[in-house]
C-alpha atoms as a PDB file:
ATOM      1  CA  MET A   1     -45.917 -52.842  57.916  1.00  0.00           C
ATOM      2  CA  ASP A   2     -45.159 -49.418  60.199  1.00  0.00           C
ATOM      3  CA  ILE A   3     -47.049 -47.797  63.384  1.00  0.00           C
ATOM      4  CA  TYR A   4     -49.067 -45.163  62.168  1.00  0.00           C
ATOM      5  CA  GLU A   5     -50.806 -42.586  65.280  1.00  0.00           C
ATOM      6  CA  THR A   6     -53.857 -41.055  64.005  1.00  0.00           C
ATOM      7  CA  VAL A   7     -55.697 -38.468  65.976  1.00  0.00           C
ATOM      8  CA  LEU A   8     -59.140 -37.001  65.240  1.00  0.00           C
ATOM      9  CA  ILE A   9     -60.877 -34.364  66.465  1.00  0.00           C
ATOM     10  CA  LEU A  10     -65.079 -34.808  65.569  1.00  0.00           C
ATOM     11  CA  LYS A  11     -67.843 -32.657  65.885  1.00  0.00           C
ATOM     12  CA  PRO A  12     -69.077 -31.961  69.612  1.00  0.00           C
ATOM     13  CA  VAL A  13     -72.368 -32.639  68.666  1.00  0.00           C
ATOM     14  CA  MET A  14     -71.739 -36.278  68.196  1.00  0.00           C
ATOM     15  CA  SER A  15     -73.373 -38.306  71.803  1.00  0.00           C
ATOM     16  CA  ASP A  16     -70.573 -40.294  73.679  1.00  0.00           C
ATOM     17  CA  PRO A  17     -72.775 -43.426  71.670  1.00  0.00           C
ATOM     18  CA  GLU A  18     -72.085 -41.750  68.254  1.00  0.00           C
ATOM     19  CA  VAL A  19     -68.466 -41.568  69.281  1.00  0.00           C
ATOM     20  CA  ALA A  20     -68.214 -44.674  69.984  1.00  0.00           C
ATOM     21  CA  ASP A  21     -69.661 -46.169  67.302  1.00  0.00           C
ATOM     22  CA  PHE A  22     -67.056 -43.891  65.167  1.00  0.00           C
ATOM     23  CA  VAL A  23     -64.487 -45.483  66.957  1.00  0.00           C
ATOM     24  CA  GLU A  24     -65.535 -49.349  66.237  1.00  0.00           C
ATOM     25  CA  LYS A  25     -66.104 -48.669  62.368  1.00  0.00           C
ATOM     26  CA  THR A  26     -62.819 -47.471  62.387  1.00  0.00           C
ATOM     27  CA  LYS A  27     -61.286 -49.994  64.530  1.00  0.00           C
ATOM     28  CA  GLN A  28     -63.524 -52.616  61.579  1.00  0.00           C
ATOM     29  CA  THR A  29     -61.788 -50.842  58.908  1.00  0.00           C
ATOM     30  CA  ILE A  30     -58.251 -50.672  60.469  1.00  0.00           C
ATOM     31  CA  VAL A  31     -58.639 -54.768  60.737  1.00  0.00           C
ATOM     32  CA  GLU A  32     -60.122 -55.471  57.917  1.00  0.00           C
ATOM     33  CA  ASP A  33     -57.548 -54.236  55.405  1.00  0.00           C
ATOM     34  CA  GLY A  34     -54.606 -56.259  56.971  1.00  0.00           C
ATOM     35  CA  GLY A  35     -54.203 -53.472  59.729  1.00  0.00           C
ATOM     36  CA  GLU A  36     -53.713 -54.070  63.341  1.00  0.00           C
ATOM     37  CA  ILE A  37     -54.528 -51.961  66.265  1.00  0.00           C
ATOM     38  CA  VAL A  38     -51.691 -51.449  69.039  1.00  0.00           C
ATOM     39  CA  ALA A  39     -53.723 -48.993  71.325  1.00  0.00           C
ATOM     40  CA  GLN A  40     -56.897 -46.294  71.165  1.00  0.00           C
ATOM     41  CA  GLU A  41     -58.088 -44.167  73.250  1.00  0.00           C
ATOM     42  CA  ILE A  42     -60.767 -41.980  73.718  1.00  0.00           C
ATOM     43  CA  TRP A  43     -59.511 -38.572  75.194  1.00  0.00           C
ATOM     44  CA  GLY A  44     -63.168 -36.824  74.926  1.00  0.00           C
ATOM     45  CA  ARG A  45     -64.377 -33.136  74.252  1.00  0.00           C
ATOM     46  CA  ARG A  46     -61.590 -30.713  75.202  1.00  0.00           C
ATOM     47  CA  LYS A  47     -61.964 -26.658  74.115  1.00  0.00           C
ATOM     48  CA  LEU A  48     -60.145 -25.873  70.919  1.00  0.00           C
ATOM     49  CA  THR A  49     -57.323 -23.866  70.825  1.00  0.00           C
ATOM     50  CA  HIS A  50     -58.958 -21.664  68.025  1.00  0.00           C
ATOM     51  CA  VAL A  51     -62.467 -21.757  66.414  1.00  0.00           C
ATOM     52  CA  ILE A  52     -63.061 -24.410  63.759  1.00  0.00           C
ATOM     53  CA  GLY A  53     -66.436 -24.154  61.687  1.00  0.00           C
ATOM     54  CA  LYS A  54     -67.935 -22.196  64.375  1.00  0.00           C
ATOM     55  CA  ASN A  55     -66.954 -24.765  66.706  1.00  0.00           C
ATOM     56  CA  ARG A  56     -64.774 -24.093  69.880  1.00  0.00           C
ATOM     57  CA  GLU A  57     -64.695 -27.842  71.007  1.00  0.00           C
ATOM     58  CA  GLY A  58     -64.514 -30.765  70.076  1.00  0.00           C
ATOM     59  CA  VAL A  59     -63.965 -35.139  71.030  1.00  0.00           C
ATOM     60  CA  TYR A  60     -60.441 -36.141  70.299  1.00  0.00           C
ATOM     61  CA  THR A  61     -59.608 -39.848  69.578  1.00  0.00           C
ATOM     62  CA  PHE A  62     -56.433 -41.323  69.421  1.00  0.00           C
ATOM     63  CA  PHE A  63     -55.410 -44.428  67.135  1.00  0.00           C
ATOM     64  CA  LYS A  64     -51.465 -46.307  67.320  1.00  0.00           C
ATOM     65  CA  TYR A  65     -52.205 -49.358  64.368  1.00  0.00           C
ATOM     66  CA  LYS A  66     -49.555 -51.153  62.188  1.00  0.00           C
ATOM     67  CA  ALA A  67     -50.312 -50.331  58.988  1.00  0.00           C
ATOM     68  CA  ASN A  68     -49.317 -50.619  54.758  1.00  0.00           C
ATOM     69  CA  VAL A  69     -49.328 -47.683  53.073  1.00  0.00           C
ATOM     70  CA  GLY A  70     -52.432 -48.594  50.858  1.00  0.00           C
ATOM     71  CA  LEU A  71     -54.147 -48.278  54.029  1.00  0.00           C
ATOM     72  CA  LEU A  72     -52.833 -45.221  54.658  1.00  0.00           C
ATOM     73  CA  LYS A  73     -54.038 -43.974  52.133  1.00  0.00           C
ATOM     74  CA  LYS A  74     -57.826 -45.417  52.663  1.00  0.00           C
ATOM     75  CA  LEU A  75     -58.124 -44.023  56.007  1.00  0.00           C
ATOM     76  CA  ASN A  76     -56.886 -40.452  55.009  1.00  0.00           C
ATOM     77  CA  HIS A  77     -59.572 -41.143  51.832  1.00  0.00           C
ATOM     78  CA  ASN A  78     -62.669 -41.773  54.632  1.00  0.00           C
ATOM     79  CA  PHE A  79     -61.485 -38.798  57.501  1.00  0.00           C
ATOM     80  CA  SER A  80     -61.661 -36.448  54.022  1.00  0.00           C
ATOM     81  CA  ILE A  81     -65.090 -37.304  53.334  1.00  0.00           C
ATOM     82  CA  SER A  82     -66.795 -37.829  56.529  1.00  0.00           C
ATOM     83  CA  ASP A  83     -68.898 -35.321  58.229  1.00  0.00           C
ATOM     84  CA  SER A  84     -68.182 -36.597  61.696  1.00  0.00           C
ATOM     85  CA  ILE A  85     -65.030 -35.094  61.758  1.00  0.00           C
ATOM     86  CA  MET A  86     -63.056 -31.851  61.911  1.00  0.00           C
ATOM     87  CA  ARG A  87     -59.391 -32.558  61.606  1.00  0.00           C
ATOM     88  CA  ASN A  88     -57.489 -34.942  61.175  1.00  0.00           C
ATOM     89  CA  MET A  89     -53.434 -35.817  61.399  1.00  0.00           C
ATOM     90  CA  THR A  90     -51.964 -39.280  61.041  1.00  0.00           C
ATOM     91  CA  VAL A  91     -47.995 -39.538  61.946  1.00  0.00           C
ATOM     92  CA  LEU A  92     -45.309 -42.527  61.533  1.00  0.00           C
ATOM     93  CA  ALA A  93     -44.706 -43.551  65.276  1.00  0.00           C
ATOM     94  CA  GLN A  94     -41.174 -43.904  65.975  1.00  0.00           C
ATOM     95  CA  ASP A  95     -39.879 -46.034  69.018  1.00  0.00           C
ATOM     96  CA  ARG A  96     -37.439 -43.959  71.516  1.00  0.00           C
ATOM     97  CA  LYS A  97     -33.978 -46.099  70.197  1.00  0.00           C
ATOM     98  CA  MET A  98     -34.927 -44.588  66.984  1.00  0.00           C
ATOM     99  CA  ARG A  99     -35.416 -40.808  67.819  1.00  0.00           C
ATOM    100  CA  GLU A 100     -32.464 -41.325  69.946  1.00  0.00           C
ATOM    101  CA  LYS A 101     -30.285 -42.864  67.178  1.00  0.00           C
ATOM    102  CA  LYS A 102     -31.184 -39.582  65.148  1.00  0.00           C
ATOM    103  CA  LYS A 103     -30.311 -36.968  67.452  1.00  0.00           C
ATOM    104  CA  LYS A 104     -26.700 -35.347  66.470  1.00  0.00           C
ATOM    105  CA  PRO A 105     -24.438 -34.814  69.210  1.00  0.00           C
ATOM    106  CA  LYS A 106     -24.039 -30.612  69.411  1.00  0.00           C
ATOM    107  CA  VAL A 107     -21.091 -29.485  68.402  1.00  0.00           C
ATOM    108  CA  LYS A 108     -19.521 -26.235  70.316  1.00  0.00           C
ATOM    109  CA  ALA A 109     -18.597 -23.485  67.425  1.00  0.00           C
ATOM    110  CA  ALA A 110     -15.113 -22.405  68.035  1.00  0.00           C
ATOM    111  CA  ALA A 111     -14.521 -18.792  68.093  1.00  0.00           C
ATOM    112  CA  PRO A 112     -13.770 -16.834  64.761  1.00  0.00           C
ATOM    113  CA  ALA A 113     -10.288 -15.483  66.099  1.00  0.00           C
ATOM    114  CA  ALA A 114      -9.113 -19.722  67.518  1.00  0.00           C
ATOM    115  CA  VAL A 115     -10.451 -20.803  63.759  1.00  0.00           C
ATOM    116  CA  ALA A 116      -8.793 -18.044  61.758  1.00  0.00           C
ATOM    117  CA  GLY A 117      -5.415 -19.576  63.308  1.00  0.00           C
ATOM    118  CA  VAL A 118      -4.837 -15.873  64.893  1.00  0.00           C
ATOM    119  CA  GLN A 119      -3.359 -14.667  67.988  1.00  0.00           C
ATOM    120  CA  GLU A 120      -4.094 -11.537  70.102  1.00  0.00           C
END
């Protein structure tokens, strides 16, 4: 199982108890299908950078969980048909060691004259 991070922007008309209920249902869906919650946060109401469906703000929630691809597809389907979600994004989380391994050292380019073997 891989570790995924999902950020949801919920409609601002949802009350705090409704948001908490939505988060609990999402956590329950993840656990029932064999996933494991690593972290979960409600970031609260924030102003959006641009208007989404006539809304200037949204309620942000964050999930970090272990899941297989089947569960990921099910969650994506549930998010797409939900009326409460304005936007969602899921990414594969990588730990810091993996990111540092993937970075390649920068190599300075030599001057064009030195590369051609021409000396002035």
